[in-house]
Protein backbone atom coordinates (compact mmCIF):
# COMPACT_ATOMS: atom_id res chain seq x y z
CA UNK A 1 -66.23 -17.91 -37.77
CA UNK A 2 -66.30 -20.13 -34.69
CA UNK A 3 -66.34 -18.35 -31.38
CA UNK A 4 -64.50 -20.08 -28.55
CA UNK A 5 -64.74 -19.30 -24.85
CA UNK A 6 -62.22 -20.54 -22.34
CA UNK A 7 -62.34 -20.95 -18.60
CA UNK A 8 -60.01 -22.33 -15.99
CA UNK A 9 -61.21 -24.25 -12.96
CA UNK A 10 -59.55 -24.96 -9.64
CA UNK A 11 -58.79 -28.68 -9.22
CA UNK A 12 -57.28 -29.06 -5.75
CA UNK A 13 -57.66 -32.85 -5.74
CA UNK A 14 -55.59 -33.04 -8.93
CA UNK A 15 -53.26 -30.25 -7.67
CA UNK A 16 -53.71 -28.24 -10.87
CA UNK A 17 -55.80 -25.68 -12.73
CA UNK A 18 -57.91 -27.33 -15.46
CA UNK A 19 -58.61 -25.56 -18.76
CA UNK A 20 -61.90 -25.94 -20.61
CA UNK A 21 -63.12 -24.60 -23.94
CA UNK A 22 -66.61 -24.09 -25.37
CA UNK A 23 -66.91 -23.68 -29.14
CA UNK A 24 -70.69 -23.92 -29.08
CA UNK A 25 -71.02 -27.59 -28.15
CA UNK A 26 -70.65 -27.13 -24.39
CA UNK A 27 -67.65 -27.13 -22.06
CA UNK A 28 -64.92 -29.65 -22.88
CA UNK A 29 -61.57 -30.27 -21.23
CA UNK A 30 -58.61 -29.06 -23.26
CA UNK A 31 -54.85 -29.27 -23.02
CA UNK A 32 -53.03 -26.62 -21.03
CA UNK A 33 -53.40 -23.28 -22.78
CA UNK A 34 -50.13 -21.83 -24.08
CA UNK A 35 -50.53 -18.73 -21.90
CA UNK A 36 -52.00 -20.55 -18.93
CA UNK A 37 -49.30 -20.32 -16.33
CA UNK A 38 -45.69 -19.23 -16.43
CA UNK A 39 -45.54 -20.26 -12.75
CA UNK A 40 -45.35 -23.60 -10.99
CA UNK A 41 -48.84 -25.00 -10.33
CA UNK A 42 -48.28 -24.83 -6.55
CA UNK A 43 -47.97 -21.05 -6.86
CA UNK A 44 -51.33 -20.77 -8.58
CA UNK A 45 -53.01 -23.18 -6.17
CA UNK A 46 -51.77 -21.12 -3.22
CA UNK A 47 -53.08 -17.97 -4.90
CA UNK A 48 -56.62 -19.36 -4.70
CA UNK A 49 -56.45 -20.53 -1.10
CA UNK A 50 -59.95 -20.43 0.37
CA UNK A 51 -61.70 -20.83 -2.98
CA UNK A 52 -63.98 -23.87 -3.30
CA UNK A 53 -63.09 -26.87 -5.46
CA UNK A 54 -63.89 -26.26 -9.16
CA UNK A 55 -64.17 -22.47 -8.67
CA UNK A 56 -63.59 -20.44 -11.82
CA UNK A 57 -60.23 -18.71 -11.59
CA UNK A 58 -58.50 -16.04 -13.66
CA UNK A 59 -58.11 -16.98 -17.34
CA UNK A 60 -54.40 -16.22 -17.04
CA UNK A 61 -51.85 -15.97 -14.26
CA UNK A 62 -50.01 -12.83 -15.36
CA UNK A 63 -46.40 -12.18 -14.46
CA UNK A 64 -46.87 -8.39 -14.60
CA UNK A 65 -49.24 -5.72 -15.77
CA UNK A 66 -49.24 -2.05 -16.63
CA UNK A 67 -52.13 0.12 -15.53
CA UNK A 68 -52.86 2.97 -17.97
CA UNK A 69 -54.93 6.08 -17.31
CA UNK A 70 -56.35 7.05 -20.71
CA UNK A 71 -59.48 9.12 -20.03
CA UNK A 72 -59.10 12.79 -19.14
CA UNK A 73 -62.23 12.71 -16.97
CA UNK A 74 -60.79 9.82 -14.95
CA UNK A 75 -57.55 11.74 -14.36
CA UNK A 76 -59.45 14.87 -13.27
CA UNK A 77 -61.87 12.94 -11.06
CA UNK A 78 -58.97 11.07 -9.44
CA UNK A 79 -57.19 14.36 -8.66
CA UNK A 80 -60.42 15.82 -7.31
CA UNK A 81 -61.04 12.75 -5.11
CA UNK A 82 -57.50 12.66 -3.76
CA UNK A 83 -57.71 16.34 -2.90
CA UNK A 84 -61.03 15.92 -1.12
CA UNK A 85 -59.71 12.94 0.86
CA UNK A 86 -56.13 13.96 1.63
CA UNK A 87 -56.09 17.77 1.31
CA UNK A 88 -59.42 18.80 2.82
CA UNK A 89 -58.31 22.42 3.34
CA UNK A 90 -57.72 22.91 -0.41
CA UNK A 91 -60.82 21.10 -1.66
CA UNK A 92 -63.37 23.87 -0.83
CA UNK A 93 -61.24 26.40 -2.74
CA UNK A 94 -61.10 24.10 -5.78
CA UNK A 95 -64.81 23.40 -5.58
CA UNK A 96 -65.63 27.13 -5.36
CA UNK A 97 -63.38 27.85 -8.37
CA UNK A 98 -65.17 25.18 -10.43
CA UNK A 99 -68.65 26.44 -9.44
CA UNK A 100 -67.88 30.09 -10.18
CA UNK A 101 -65.97 29.59 -13.45
CA UNK A 102 -67.62 26.42 -14.76
CA UNK A 103 -64.11 25.13 -15.56
CA UNK A 104 -61.92 22.45 -14.05
CA UNK A 105 -59.62 23.65 -11.26
CA UNK A 106 -56.27 23.98 -13.14
CA UNK A 107 -54.18 21.76 -10.78
CA UNK A 108 -56.68 18.91 -11.41
CA UNK A 109 -56.00 18.91 -15.16
CA UNK A 110 -53.39 16.45 -16.41
CA UNK A 111 -49.96 17.77 -17.37
CA UNK A 112 -49.54 18.44 -21.11
CA UNK A 113 -47.31 15.36 -21.44
CA UNK A 114 -50.34 13.22 -20.51
CA UNK A 115 -51.99 14.17 -23.81
CA UNK A 116 -48.99 12.99 -25.87
CA UNK A 117 -47.92 9.81 -24.10
CA UNK A 118 -49.89 7.15 -22.27
CA UNK A 119 -49.34 7.41 -18.54
CA UNK A 120 -49.02 4.08 -16.77
CA UNK A 121 -47.43 2.37 -13.84
CA UNK A 122 -46.20 -1.17 -13.32
CA UNK A 123 -48.43 -2.89 -10.82
CA UNK A 124 -48.42 -6.06 -8.76
CA UNK A 125 -49.96 -8.90 -10.79
CA UNK A 126 -50.90 -10.68 -7.55
CA UNK A 127 -53.50 -7.99 -6.90
CA UNK A 128 -55.65 -9.34 -9.76
CA UNK A 129 -58.33 -11.53 -8.23
CA UNK A 130 -61.32 -13.35 -9.69
CA UNK A 131 -64.92 -12.53 -8.82
CA UNK A 132 -66.12 -13.92 -5.52
CA UNK A 133 -62.80 -13.77 -3.69
CA UNK A 134 -63.18 -11.87 -0.40
CA UNK A 135 -60.96 -8.80 -0.11
CA UNK A 136 -59.82 -7.60 3.29
CA UNK A 137 -58.29 -4.14 3.57
CA UNK A 138 -54.77 -4.00 4.98
CA UNK A 139 -54.65 -3.00 8.64
CA UNK A 140 -52.46 0.02 7.84
CA UNK A 141 -54.98 1.82 5.59
CA UNK A 142 -58.25 3.67 5.94
CA UNK A 143 -58.72 4.44 2.23
CA UNK A 144 -59.51 1.89 -0.46
CA UNK A 145 -59.83 2.39 -4.21
CA UNK A 146 -62.07 0.07 -6.21
CA UNK A 147 -61.85 0.10 -9.98
CA UNK A 148 -63.24 -1.83 -12.90
CA UNK A 149 -60.41 -2.69 -15.24
CA UNK A 150 -60.31 -3.80 -18.85
CA UNK A 151 -57.52 -6.27 -19.50
CA UNK A 152 -55.76 -7.01 -22.76
CA UNK A 153 -53.43 -9.98 -22.79
CA UNK A 154 -50.43 -9.93 -25.09
CA UNK A 155 -49.02 -13.41 -25.58
CA UNK A 156 -46.89 -12.84 -28.68
CA UNK A 157 -44.02 -10.45 -29.28
CA UNK A 158 -45.18 -7.12 -30.71
CA UNK A 159 -43.71 -5.93 -33.98
CA UNK A 160 -41.78 -2.79 -33.12
CA UNK A 161 -42.68 -3.23 -29.44
CA UNK A 162 -39.13 -2.49 -28.29
CA UNK A 163 -39.03 0.84 -30.11
């Protein structure tokens, strides 16, 4: 089985994003990838304003994405962190409960529905950025959340996906 790796590079001079593929013989230019960009090239070029010529950019320019929370520990830790940050009067009570009982503070546990259905939200695809792009916090916030995400791209219709 041949393994292929793709990358896309910023080509400002050519006013486009170039696609390259490596099947083991080194990087070679390739035709536009079928999933490469549902948007006009000017949109993608503007997205990478400030990036140097030939910078590696996202492998896709998604139109949307859903962010799922699938690990119980993540859900509990998120509730715990939000409480500590935004409800500081409640946090010591929760922390004391957890120390004394050795159990998770009940309001931090996900609702029972969480265990039966994946919980997700629709997010802004423009918030996906490649490595190396500087991120400035918005002036209106004092709290930032950094996460490592695993992405799965679906480029074909799913059988039974509308059910």
